[in-house]
Amino acid sequence: MKLTKRILAVVITLALALTLALPATATVNWDEFRIATETQDMKIQRGESFTLSVEVIIPDGVEVEYQWVHGVSSNSPIIENATSPNLRLSPNDTNYPSEFWSRSARSDYYCKITAFEKDNENNVISSKTLRSKPTNVIVEDHTFLGKLYSVTVEPFAFAAANTGYWLSLTMFFTLPLSPLFFLYFLAVGFINGFRGLF
């Protein structure tokens, strides 16, 4: 009888020791962790501020970190101190869409959301990362300089790009017609440019 009690005590002790020694297992239902709403593509006027936001459904028992990124690739630079569900950018911010000598500028942004499940000693035992859809922000310039660009520089850039495109499609067969192509697209560029004045 005494031997049986001793064996039972040893078994219980070993079971408790193994329970304490084993790492904690994940208990979070990660299927619940998902993006509910996010900002859609937008157009704004140069000089206006804008706000991007993401709303996430967060399971119980996790901590969440947000990080906004300027660009669309995994190597795109992060935006410093942009670690909340909302990102507000003003014209003075470094990550505001900008393009030299252009009537419009565009940039893409996305948010990386990482959730962590931790044990009682603050060790991460499971995690999951979501990435929001890239939001394309177009900034249009209807200032005097922007309109001036639309009727001076832009038509020539438009004509050169389109003439080169059509020549590359048809190889050298239409090379003698390249001046006509250029004049045609230049005229179209001027028409579009003058429309941009109003």
N, C-alpha and C. Protein backbone atom coordinates (compact mmCIF):
# COMPACT_ATOMS: atom_id res chain seq x y z
N MET A 1 0.83 -1.20 0.00
CA MET A 1 0.00 0.00 0.00
C MET A 1 0.87 1.26 0.00
N LYS A 2 1.90 1.24 0.91
CA LYS A 2 2.82 2.38 0.97
C LYS A 2 3.55 2.55 -0.34
N LEU A 3 3.93 1.41 -0.96
CA LEU A 3 4.66 1.46 -2.23
C LEU A 3 3.78 2.07 -3.32
N THR A 4 2.50 1.70 -3.30
CA THR A 4 1.56 2.24 -4.30
C THR A 4 1.42 3.75 -4.15
N LYS A 5 1.34 4.24 -2.92
CA LYS A 5 1.23 5.68 -2.67
C LYS A 5 2.47 6.42 -3.13
N ARG A 6 3.65 5.79 -2.90
CA ARG A 6 4.90 6.43 -3.33
C ARG A 6 4.97 6.52 -4.86
N ILE A 7 4.56 5.45 -5.52
CA ILE A 7 4.57 5.45 -6.99
C ILE A 7 3.62 6.52 -7.53
N LEU A 8 2.44 6.61 -6.90
CA LEU A 8 1.45 7.61 -7.31
C LEU A 8 1.98 9.03 -7.12
N ALA A 9 2.67 9.25 -6.01
CA ALA A 9 3.24 10.58 -5.73
C ALA A 9 4.30 10.94 -6.76
N VAL A 10 5.14 9.94 -7.12
CA VAL A 10 6.18 10.18 -8.12
C VAL A 10 5.56 10.52 -9.47
N VAL A 11 4.53 9.79 -9.85
CA VAL A 11 3.85 10.02 -11.14
C VAL A 11 3.24 11.41 -11.18
N ILE A 12 2.59 11.82 -10.10
CA ILE A 12 1.98 13.16 -10.04
C ILE A 12 3.05 14.24 -10.13
N THR A 13 4.15 14.03 -9.42
CA THR A 13 5.25 15.01 -9.44
C THR A 13 5.83 15.15 -10.84
N LEU A 14 6.04 14.01 -11.51
CA LEU A 14 6.58 14.05 -12.87
C LEU A 14 5.61 14.73 -13.83
N ALA A 15 4.33 14.49 -13.65
CA ALA A 15 3.32 15.11 -14.52
C ALA A 15 3.31 16.62 -14.35
N LEU A 16 3.41 17.08 -13.10
CA LEU A 16 3.45 18.52 -12.86
C LEU A 16 4.71 19.14 -13.44
N ALA A 17 5.84 18.45 -13.29
CA ALA A 17 7.10 18.96 -13.81
C ALA A 17 7.05 19.09 -15.33
N LEU A 18 6.49 18.07 -15.99
CA LEU A 18 6.38 18.12 -17.45
C LEU A 18 5.44 19.23 -17.91
N THR A 19 4.36 19.44 -17.17
CA THR A 19 3.41 20.50 -17.52
C THR A 19 4.06 21.87 -17.45
N LEU A 20 4.88 22.08 -16.41
CA LEU A 20 5.56 23.36 -16.25
C LEU A 20 6.68 23.54 -17.27
N ALA A 21 7.29 22.44 -17.67
CA ALA A 21 8.42 22.52 -18.59
C ALA A 21 7.98 22.74 -20.03
N LEU A 22 6.80 22.26 -20.39
CA LEU A 22 6.33 22.40 -21.77
C LEU A 22 5.97 23.85 -22.06
N PRO A 23 6.31 24.35 -23.26
CA PRO A 23 5.95 25.73 -23.62
C PRO A 23 4.45 25.87 -23.77
N ALA A 24 3.99 27.10 -23.54
CA ALA A 24 2.56 27.37 -23.67
C ALA A 24 2.14 27.23 -25.14
N THR A 25 0.96 26.73 -25.35
CA THR A 25 0.47 26.54 -26.72
C THR A 25 -0.51 27.65 -27.06
N ALA A 26 -0.61 27.95 -28.35
CA ALA A 26 -1.48 29.02 -28.80
C ALA A 26 -2.94 28.68 -28.55
N THR A 27 -3.70 29.67 -28.09
CA THR A 27 -5.12 29.47 -27.82
C THR A 27 -5.98 30.44 -28.60
N VAL A 28 -5.37 31.33 -29.37
CA VAL A 28 -6.11 32.35 -30.11
C VAL A 28 -6.70 31.74 -31.37
N ASN A 29 -7.92 32.13 -31.67
CA ASN A 29 -8.56 31.75 -32.93
C ASN A 29 -8.16 32.77 -34.00
N TRP A 30 -7.13 32.44 -34.75
CA TRP A 30 -6.59 33.41 -35.71
C TRP A 30 -7.51 33.65 -36.90
N ASP A 31 -8.51 32.81 -37.08
CA ASP A 31 -9.48 33.05 -38.15
C ASP A 31 -10.29 34.32 -37.91
N GLU A 32 -10.36 34.74 -36.67
CA GLU A 32 -11.10 35.96 -36.35
C GLU A 32 -10.30 37.22 -36.68
N PHE A 33 -9.01 37.09 -36.83
CA PHE A 33 -8.14 38.24 -37.07
C PHE A 33 -8.19 38.60 -38.56
N ARG A 34 -8.87 39.69 -38.87
CA ARG A 34 -9.01 40.09 -40.28
C ARG A 34 -9.28 41.59 -40.38
N ILE A 35 -9.08 42.12 -41.59
CA ILE A 35 -9.33 43.53 -41.85
C ILE A 35 -10.80 43.71 -42.20
N ALA A 36 -11.47 44.61 -41.48
CA ALA A 36 -12.90 44.84 -41.69
C ALA A 36 -13.12 45.92 -42.75
N THR A 37 -12.47 47.06 -42.60
CA THR A 37 -12.60 48.16 -43.56
C THR A 37 -11.25 48.82 -43.75
N GLU A 38 -11.06 49.42 -44.93
CA GLU A 38 -9.83 50.14 -45.23
C GLU A 38 -10.13 51.24 -46.24
N THR A 39 -9.23 52.22 -46.30
CA THR A 39 -9.42 53.37 -47.18
C THR A 39 -9.29 52.96 -48.64
N GLN A 40 -10.18 53.50 -49.47
CA GLN A 40 -10.14 53.25 -50.91
C GLN A 40 -9.27 54.31 -51.59
N ASP A 41 -8.95 54.06 -52.87
CA ASP A 41 -8.17 55.03 -53.64
C ASP A 41 -8.87 56.38 -53.63
N MET A 42 -8.07 57.46 -53.71
CA MET A 42 -8.66 58.79 -53.62
C MET A 42 -7.90 59.79 -54.48
N LYS A 43 -8.60 60.89 -54.82
CA LYS A 43 -8.00 62.03 -55.50
C LYS A 43 -8.21 63.26 -54.63
N ILE A 44 -7.15 64.06 -54.47
CA ILE A 44 -7.24 65.29 -53.70
C ILE A 44 -6.56 66.41 -54.47
N GLN A 45 -6.75 67.63 -54.00
CA GLN A 45 -6.08 68.77 -54.61
C GLN A 45 -4.77 69.04 -53.89
N ARG A 46 -3.76 69.50 -54.64
CA ARG A 46 -2.48 69.80 -54.02
C ARG A 46 -2.67 70.82 -52.91
N GLY A 47 -2.04 70.56 -51.79
CA GLY A 47 -2.17 71.44 -50.63
C GLY A 47 -3.14 70.91 -49.60
N GLU A 48 -3.93 69.89 -49.96
CA GLU A 48 -4.88 69.30 -49.01
C GLU A 48 -4.23 68.17 -48.22
N SER A 49 -4.62 68.06 -46.98
CA SER A 49 -4.21 66.91 -46.17
C SER A 49 -5.16 65.75 -46.43
N PHE A 50 -4.74 64.54 -46.10
CA PHE A 50 -5.61 63.39 -46.26
C PHE A 50 -5.32 62.37 -45.17
N THR A 51 -6.29 61.52 -44.92
CA THR A 51 -6.18 60.50 -43.87
C THR A 51 -6.49 59.12 -44.43
N LEU A 52 -5.63 58.17 -44.13
CA LEU A 52 -5.86 56.77 -44.46
C LEU A 52 -6.16 56.03 -43.17
N SER A 53 -7.02 55.03 -43.24
CA SER A 53 -7.36 54.30 -42.02
C SER A 53 -7.63 52.84 -42.33
N VAL A 54 -7.47 52.03 -41.32
CA VAL A 54 -7.75 50.61 -41.42
C VAL A 54 -8.41 50.16 -40.13
N GLU A 55 -9.45 49.35 -40.25
CA GLU A 55 -10.16 48.83 -39.08
C GLU A 55 -10.01 47.32 -39.08
N VAL A 56 -9.55 46.79 -37.94
CA VAL A 56 -9.22 45.38 -37.84
C VAL A 56 -10.06 44.71 -36.77
N ILE A 57 -10.55 43.51 -37.05
CA ILE A 57 -11.21 42.70 -36.03
C ILE A 57 -10.14 41.92 -35.28
N ILE A 58 -10.05 42.16 -33.98
CA ILE A 58 -8.95 41.63 -33.17
C ILE A 58 -9.48 40.55 -32.22
N PRO A 59 -8.92 39.35 -32.25
CA PRO A 59 -9.35 38.31 -31.31
C PRO A 59 -8.99 38.67 -29.87
N ASP A 60 -9.65 38.06 -28.92
CA ASP A 60 -9.33 38.27 -27.51
C ASP A 60 -7.95 37.70 -27.19
N GLY A 61 -7.24 38.39 -26.33
CA GLY A 61 -5.98 37.88 -25.82
C GLY A 61 -4.76 38.16 -26.68
N VAL A 62 -4.84 39.16 -27.58
CA VAL A 62 -3.67 39.48 -28.42
C VAL A 62 -3.35 40.97 -28.32
N GLU A 63 -2.11 41.30 -28.63
CA GLU A 63 -1.67 42.68 -28.75
C GLU A 63 -1.44 42.96 -30.23
N VAL A 64 -1.76 44.18 -30.67
CA VAL A 64 -1.69 44.52 -32.08
C VAL A 64 -0.74 45.70 -32.29
N GLU A 65 0.07 45.61 -33.34
CA GLU A 65 0.96 46.69 -33.75
C GLU A 65 0.65 47.08 -35.19
N TYR A 66 0.65 48.39 -35.46
CA TYR A 66 0.41 48.91 -36.79
C TYR A 66 1.67 49.58 -37.32
N GLN A 67 1.89 49.45 -38.64
CA GLN A 67 3.00 50.15 -39.27
C GLN A 67 2.62 50.50 -40.71
N TRP A 68 2.55 51.81 -41.00
CA TRP A 68 2.23 52.26 -42.35
C TRP A 68 3.49 52.30 -43.20
N VAL A 69 3.33 51.96 -44.47
CA VAL A 69 4.45 51.87 -45.41
C VAL A 69 4.14 52.72 -46.64
N HIS A 70 5.17 53.42 -47.13
CA HIS A 70 5.02 54.25 -48.33
C HIS A 70 5.54 53.46 -49.53
N GLY A 71 4.60 52.92 -50.32
CA GLY A 71 4.98 52.10 -51.47
C GLY A 71 4.11 50.85 -51.52
N VAL A 72 4.45 49.94 -52.40
CA VAL A 72 3.64 48.73 -52.55
C VAL A 72 4.42 47.44 -52.32
N SER A 73 5.75 47.51 -52.33
CA SER A 73 6.55 46.30 -52.20
C SER A 73 6.95 46.07 -50.74
N SER A 74 7.47 44.89 -50.49
CA SER A 74 7.91 44.57 -49.12
C SER A 74 9.17 45.35 -48.75
N ASN A 75 9.86 45.91 -49.75
CA ASN A 75 11.08 46.70 -49.48
C ASN A 75 10.79 48.20 -49.39
N SER A 76 9.54 48.58 -49.51
CA SER A 76 9.21 50.01 -49.44
C SER A 76 9.49 50.55 -48.05
N PRO A 77 9.87 51.84 -47.95
CA PRO A 77 10.23 52.39 -46.64
C PRO A 77 9.03 52.56 -45.73
N ILE A 78 9.25 52.32 -44.46
CA ILE A 78 8.20 52.55 -43.48
C ILE A 78 8.09 54.05 -43.21
N ILE A 79 6.95 54.47 -42.73
CA ILE A 79 6.73 55.87 -42.37
C ILE A 79 6.97 55.99 -40.87
N GLU A 80 7.94 56.79 -40.50
CA GLU A 80 8.31 56.93 -39.09
C GLU A 80 7.13 57.42 -38.26
N ASN A 81 6.96 56.79 -37.10
CA ASN A 81 5.93 57.15 -36.12
C ASN A 81 4.51 56.93 -36.63
N ALA A 82 4.35 56.23 -37.74
CA ALA A 82 3.01 55.92 -38.25
C ALA A 82 2.60 54.54 -37.75
N THR A 83 2.24 54.46 -36.47
CA THR A 83 1.99 53.18 -35.81
C THR A 83 0.61 53.12 -35.17
N SER A 84 -0.37 53.76 -35.82
CA SER A 84 -1.74 53.71 -35.34
C SER A 84 -2.65 53.30 -36.50
N PRO A 85 -3.91 53.01 -36.23
CA PRO A 85 -4.80 52.59 -37.33
C PRO A 85 -5.03 53.69 -38.37
N ASN A 86 -4.74 54.94 -38.00
CA ASN A 86 -4.98 56.07 -38.91
C ASN A 86 -3.67 56.75 -39.28
N LEU A 87 -3.55 57.11 -40.55
CA LEU A 87 -2.37 57.83 -41.03
C LEU A 87 -2.84 59.14 -41.66
N ARG A 88 -2.41 60.26 -41.12
CA ARG A 88 -2.75 61.57 -41.67
C ARG A 88 -1.49 62.23 -42.21
N LEU A 89 -1.54 62.65 -43.46
CA LEU A 89 -0.40 63.30 -44.09
C LEU A 89 -0.80 64.68 -44.59
N SER A 90 0.07 65.65 -44.35
CA SER A 90 -0.15 67.01 -44.83
C SER A 90 0.92 67.34 -45.87
N PRO A 91 0.76 68.42 -46.63
CA PRO A 91 1.72 68.75 -47.68
C PRO A 91 3.15 68.91 -47.20
N ASN A 92 3.35 69.20 -45.93
CA ASN A 92 4.70 69.39 -45.41
C ASN A 92 5.38 68.09 -45.01
N ASP A 93 4.64 66.98 -45.01
CA ASP A 93 5.23 65.70 -44.61
C ASP A 93 6.10 65.13 -45.72
N THR A 94 7.15 64.42 -45.32
CA THR A 94 8.09 63.83 -46.27
C THR A 94 7.40 62.82 -47.17
N ASN A 95 6.44 62.10 -46.66
CA ASN A 95 5.80 61.02 -47.42
C ASN A 95 4.57 61.47 -48.20
N TYR A 96 4.36 62.76 -48.29
CA TYR A 96 3.26 63.30 -49.10
C TYR A 96 3.57 63.07 -50.58
N PRO A 97 2.59 62.70 -51.40
CA PRO A 97 2.87 62.44 -52.82
C PRO A 97 3.49 63.66 -53.49
N SER A 98 4.57 63.45 -54.20
CA SER A 98 5.24 64.58 -54.87
C SER A 98 5.86 64.10 -56.16
N GLU A 99 5.83 64.96 -57.15
CA GLU A 99 6.45 64.67 -58.43
C GLU A 99 6.87 66.00 -59.04
N PHE A 100 8.14 66.12 -59.38
CA PHE A 100 8.67 67.38 -59.87
C PHE A 100 8.16 67.66 -61.28
N TRP A 101 7.76 68.90 -61.51
CA TRP A 101 7.29 69.33 -62.84
C TRP A 101 6.15 68.47 -63.37
N SER A 102 5.15 68.35 -62.58
CA SER A 102 3.99 67.58 -63.03
C SER A 102 2.72 68.20 -62.49
N ARG A 103 1.63 68.08 -63.26
CA ARG A 103 0.35 68.57 -62.80
C ARG A 103 -0.25 67.68 -61.74
N SER A 104 0.21 66.45 -61.67
CA SER A 104 -0.35 65.53 -60.68
C SER A 104 0.75 64.63 -60.13
N ALA A 105 0.53 64.14 -58.95
CA ALA A 105 1.46 63.21 -58.32
C ALA A 105 0.65 62.09 -57.70
N ARG A 106 1.28 60.93 -57.54
CA ARG A 106 0.57 59.81 -56.95
C ARG A 106 1.52 58.99 -56.09
N SER A 107 0.96 58.40 -55.07
CA SER A 107 1.74 57.52 -54.19
C SER A 107 0.83 56.42 -53.67
N ASP A 108 1.44 55.31 -53.31
CA ASP A 108 0.71 54.18 -52.73
C ASP A 108 1.13 54.00 -51.28
N TYR A 109 0.17 53.58 -50.47
CA TYR A 109 0.42 53.35 -49.05
C TYR A 109 -0.31 52.07 -48.64
N TYR A 110 0.28 51.36 -47.68
CA TYR A 110 -0.43 50.23 -47.08
C TYR A 110 -0.03 50.11 -45.62
N CYS A 111 -0.85 49.39 -44.87
CA CYS A 111 -0.59 49.21 -43.45
C CYS A 111 -0.31 47.74 -43.16
N LYS A 112 0.73 47.51 -42.37
CA LYS A 112 1.07 46.16 -41.92
C LYS A 112 0.62 46.02 -40.47
N ILE A 113 -0.27 45.06 -40.23
CA ILE A 113 -0.83 44.86 -38.89
C ILE A 113 -0.37 43.52 -38.36
N THR A 114 0.30 43.53 -37.22
CA THR A 114 0.81 42.29 -36.62
C THR A 114 0.19 42.10 -35.24
N ALA A 115 -0.33 40.91 -35.01
CA ALA A 115 -0.93 40.57 -33.71
C ALA A 115 -0.08 39.51 -33.02
N PHE A 116 0.09 39.67 -31.71
CA PHE A 116 0.93 38.75 -30.92
C PHE A 116 0.10 38.16 -29.78
N GLU A 117 0.27 36.87 -29.58
CA GLU A 117 -0.26 36.22 -28.37
C GLU A 117 0.93 35.94 -27.47
N LYS A 118 0.83 36.35 -26.20
CA LYS A 118 1.94 36.20 -25.27
C LYS A 118 1.52 35.39 -24.06
N ASP A 119 2.52 34.75 -23.43
CA ASP A 119 2.23 34.01 -22.21
C ASP A 119 2.36 34.93 -21.01
N ASN A 120 2.29 34.35 -19.81
CA ASN A 120 2.34 35.17 -18.59
C ASN A 120 3.68 35.85 -18.39
N GLU A 121 4.72 35.32 -19.04
CA GLU A 121 6.05 35.94 -18.91
C GLU A 121 6.36 36.86 -20.08
N ASN A 122 5.33 37.25 -20.83
CA ASN A 122 5.45 38.19 -21.94
C ASN A 122 6.24 37.63 -23.12
N ASN A 123 6.32 36.32 -23.24
CA ASN A 123 6.96 35.70 -24.38
C ASN A 123 5.93 35.45 -25.48
N VAL A 124 6.31 35.72 -26.73
CA VAL A 124 5.40 35.52 -27.85
C VAL A 124 5.28 34.03 -28.13
N ILE A 125 4.05 33.52 -28.12
CA ILE A 125 3.84 32.10 -28.39
C ILE A 125 3.17 31.86 -29.75
N SER A 126 2.56 32.92 -30.31
CA SER A 126 2.01 32.83 -31.66
C SER A 126 1.78 34.24 -32.18
N SER A 127 1.76 34.37 -33.51
CA SER A 127 1.55 35.69 -34.10
C SER A 127 1.02 35.54 -35.52
N LYS A 128 0.47 36.62 -36.03
CA LYS A 128 -0.03 36.64 -37.41
C LYS A 128 0.04 38.07 -37.92
N THR A 129 0.39 38.23 -39.21
CA THR A 129 0.51 39.55 -39.81
C THR A 129 -0.43 39.68 -40.99
N LEU A 130 -1.14 40.81 -41.04
CA LEU A 130 -2.00 41.15 -42.16
C LEU A 130 -1.44 42.36 -42.88
N ARG A 131 -1.78 42.49 -44.15
CA ARG A 131 -1.35 43.64 -44.94
C ARG A 131 -2.56 44.21 -45.67
N SER A 132 -2.82 45.48 -45.46
CA SER A 132 -3.97 46.10 -46.11
C SER A 132 -3.72 46.27 -47.60
N LYS A 133 -4.81 46.47 -48.33
CA LYS A 133 -4.71 46.71 -49.77
C LYS A 133 -4.01 48.04 -50.01
N PRO A 134 -3.06 48.13 -50.95
CA PRO A 134 -2.42 49.42 -51.23
C PRO A 134 -3.45 50.47 -51.64
N THR A 135 -3.37 51.64 -51.04
CA THR A 135 -4.24 52.75 -51.36
C THR A 135 -3.49 53.73 -52.25
N ASN A 136 -4.05 54.02 -53.42
CA ASN A 136 -3.42 54.95 -54.35
C ASN A 136 -4.00 56.35 -54.14
N VAL A 137 -3.12 57.29 -53.81
CA VAL A 137 -3.53 58.67 -53.58
C VAL A 137 -2.99 59.53 -54.72
N ILE A 138 -3.89 60.18 -55.44
CA ILE A 138 -3.51 61.07 -56.54
C ILE A 138 -3.73 62.51 -56.10
N VAL A 139 -2.67 63.31 -56.23
CA VAL A 139 -2.75 64.73 -55.88
C VAL A 139 -2.72 65.52 -57.19
N GLU A 140 -3.82 66.21 -57.48
CA GLU A 140 -3.90 66.99 -58.70
C GLU A 140 -3.56 68.44 -58.41
N ASP A 141 -2.88 69.06 -59.36
CA ASP A 141 -2.43 70.44 -59.20
C ASP A 141 -3.22 71.35 -60.12
N HIS A 142 -4.11 72.15 -59.55
CA HIS A 142 -4.86 73.12 -60.34
C HIS A 142 -4.40 74.54 -60.04
N THR A 143 -3.16 74.67 -59.54
CA THR A 143 -2.60 75.99 -59.32
C THR A 143 -2.12 76.57 -60.65
N PHE A 144 -1.69 77.81 -60.63
CA PHE A 144 -1.23 78.46 -61.87
C PHE A 144 -0.05 77.72 -62.47
N LEU A 145 0.92 77.29 -61.63
CA LEU A 145 2.08 76.58 -62.15
C LEU A 145 1.69 75.24 -62.74
N GLY A 146 0.73 74.57 -62.10
CA GLY A 146 0.27 73.30 -62.63
C GLY A 146 -0.40 73.46 -63.97
N LYS A 147 -1.21 74.51 -64.11
CA LYS A 147 -1.88 74.76 -65.39
C LYS A 147 -0.88 75.17 -66.45
N LEU A 148 0.13 75.96 -66.06
CA LEU A 148 1.16 76.37 -67.01
C LEU A 148 1.91 75.15 -67.54
N TYR A 149 2.17 74.20 -66.66
CA TYR A 149 2.83 72.97 -67.08
C TYR A 149 1.97 72.21 -68.09
N SER A 150 0.66 72.24 -67.89
CA SER A 150 -0.24 71.45 -68.74
C SER A 150 -0.27 71.93 -70.18
N VAL A 151 0.14 73.18 -70.44
CA VAL A 151 0.12 73.69 -71.81
C VAL A 151 1.52 73.98 -72.36
N THR A 152 2.55 73.59 -71.61
CA THR A 152 3.92 73.83 -72.10
C THR A 152 4.71 72.53 -72.16
N VAL A 153 5.03 71.97 -71.01
CA VAL A 153 5.89 70.79 -70.96
C VAL A 153 5.12 69.51 -71.27
N GLU A 154 3.92 69.38 -70.69
CA GLU A 154 3.19 68.13 -70.78
C GLU A 154 2.88 67.68 -72.21
N PRO A 155 2.47 68.56 -73.14
CA PRO A 155 2.19 68.09 -74.50
C PRO A 155 3.39 67.45 -75.19
N PHE A 156 4.58 67.99 -74.99
CA PHE A 156 5.78 67.43 -75.63
C PHE A 156 6.13 66.07 -75.02
N ALA A 157 5.99 65.96 -73.70
CA ALA A 157 6.24 64.67 -73.05
C ALA A 157 5.24 63.62 -73.52
N PHE A 158 3.98 64.04 -73.66
CA PHE A 158 2.93 63.14 -74.14
C PHE A 158 3.21 62.68 -75.57
N ALA A 159 3.61 63.61 -76.44
CA ALA A 159 3.88 63.28 -77.83
C ALA A 159 5.07 62.35 -77.97
N ALA A 160 6.13 62.62 -77.21
CA ALA A 160 7.33 61.80 -77.29
C ALA A 160 7.05 60.37 -76.81
N ALA A 161 6.31 60.25 -75.71
CA ALA A 161 6.03 58.92 -75.16
C ALA A 161 5.17 58.10 -76.11
N ASN A 162 4.13 58.71 -76.68
CA ASN A 162 3.22 57.97 -77.55
C ASN A 162 3.85 57.66 -78.90
N THR A 163 4.65 58.59 -79.43
CA THR A 163 5.33 58.32 -80.70
C THR A 163 6.29 57.14 -80.55
N GLY A 164 7.04 57.14 -79.45
CA GLY A 164 7.96 56.03 -79.19
C GLY A 164 7.22 54.71 -79.02
N TYR A 165 6.05 54.76 -78.42
CA TYR A 165 5.27 53.55 -78.21
C TYR A 165 4.82 52.96 -79.55
N TRP A 166 4.28 53.80 -80.43
CA TRP A 166 3.80 53.29 -81.72
C TRP A 166 4.93 52.84 -82.61
N LEU A 167 6.06 53.51 -82.54
CA LEU A 167 7.21 53.07 -83.34
C LEU A 167 7.73 51.72 -82.85
N SER A 168 7.70 51.51 -81.56
CA SER A 168 8.17 50.22 -81.03
C SER A 168 7.23 49.09 -81.41
N LEU A 169 5.93 49.40 -81.57
CA LEU A 169 4.97 48.38 -81.98
C LEU A 169 5.15 47.98 -83.45
N THR A 170 5.45 48.95 -84.28
CA THR A 170 5.51 48.67 -85.72
C THR A 170 6.95 48.57 -86.24
N MET A 171 7.92 48.57 -85.33
CA MET A 171 9.33 48.46 -85.70
C MET A 171 9.70 49.62 -86.63
N PHE A 172 10.36 49.34 -87.73
CA PHE A 172 10.89 50.40 -88.59
C PHE A 172 9.99 50.70 -89.79
N PHE A 173 8.85 50.01 -89.89
CA PHE A 173 8.00 50.20 -91.07
C PHE A 173 7.38 51.59 -91.10
N THR A 174 7.14 52.16 -89.92
CA THR A 174 6.50 53.47 -89.87
C THR A 174 7.48 54.57 -89.47
N LEU A 175 8.76 54.27 -89.52
CA LEU A 175 9.76 55.27 -89.14
C LEU A 175 9.62 56.56 -89.94
N PRO A 176 9.38 56.51 -91.28
CA PRO A 176 9.22 57.77 -92.03
C PRO A 176 8.01 58.59 -91.57
N LEU A 177 7.05 57.91 -90.92
CA LEU A 177 5.86 58.62 -90.46
C LEU A 177 6.00 59.18 -89.05
N SER A 178 7.15 58.96 -88.42
CA SER A 178 7.33 59.39 -87.03
C SER A 178 7.09 60.90 -86.84
N PRO A 179 7.51 61.80 -87.78
CA PRO A 179 7.19 63.22 -87.57
C PRO A 179 5.69 63.48 -87.53
N LEU A 180 4.94 62.74 -88.37
CA LEU A 180 3.48 62.92 -88.36
C LEU A 180 2.87 62.42 -87.06
N PHE A 181 3.38 61.27 -86.58
CA PHE A 181 2.93 60.76 -85.29
C PHE A 181 3.16 61.81 -84.19
N PHE A 182 4.38 62.35 -84.20
CA PHE A 182 4.74 63.30 -83.15
C PHE A 182 3.84 64.53 -83.19
N LEU A 183 3.60 65.08 -84.41
CA LEU A 183 2.75 66.27 -84.53
C LEU A 183 1.31 65.97 -84.10
N TYR A 184 0.84 64.76 -84.43
CA TYR A 184 -0.53 64.39 -84.04
C TYR A 184 -0.65 64.34 -82.52
N PHE A 185 0.26 63.62 -81.88
CA PHE A 185 0.18 63.50 -80.42
C PHE A 185 0.48 64.83 -79.74
N LEU A 186 1.28 65.67 -80.36
CA LEU A 186 1.54 66.99 -79.79
C LEU A 186 0.26 67.83 -79.80
N ALA A 187 -0.48 67.73 -80.90
CA ALA A 187 -1.75 68.46 -80.97
C ALA A 187 -2.72 67.96 -79.91
N VAL A 188 -2.80 66.63 -79.77
CA VAL A 188 -3.67 66.07 -78.73
C VAL A 188 -3.23 66.54 -77.34
N GLY A 189 -1.91 66.57 -77.13
CA GLY A 189 -1.39 67.02 -75.84
C GLY A 189 -1.75 68.46 -75.55
N PHE A 190 -1.68 69.33 -76.56
CA PHE A 190 -2.05 70.74 -76.36
C PHE A 190 -3.54 70.88 -76.07
N ILE A 191 -4.36 70.09 -76.76
CA ILE A 191 -5.81 70.14 -76.51
C ILE A 191 -6.11 69.74 -75.07
N ASN A 192 -5.50 68.65 -74.63
CA ASN A 192 -5.71 68.21 -73.24
C ASN A 192 -5.15 69.23 -72.25
N GLY A 193 -4.03 69.83 -72.63
CA GLY A 193 -3.43 70.83 -71.75
C GLY A 193 -4.30 72.05 -71.57
N PHE A 194 -4.89 72.53 -72.66
CA PHE A 194 -5.77 73.69 -72.55
C PHE A 194 -7.05 73.37 -71.79
N ARG A 195 -7.48 72.11 -71.91
CA ARG A 195 -8.65 71.71 -71.12
C ARG A 195 -8.33 71.79 -69.63
N GLY A 196 -7.07 71.50 -69.30
CA GLY A 196 -6.67 71.55 -67.89
C GLY A 196 -6.64 72.94 -67.31
N LEU A 197 -6.74 73.96 -68.16
CA LEU A 197 -6.76 75.33 -67.65
C LEU A 197 -8.10 75.68 -67.00
N PHE A 198 -9.13 74.93 -67.33
CA PHE A 198 -10.47 75.31 -66.89
C PHE A 198 -11.06 74.27 -65.94
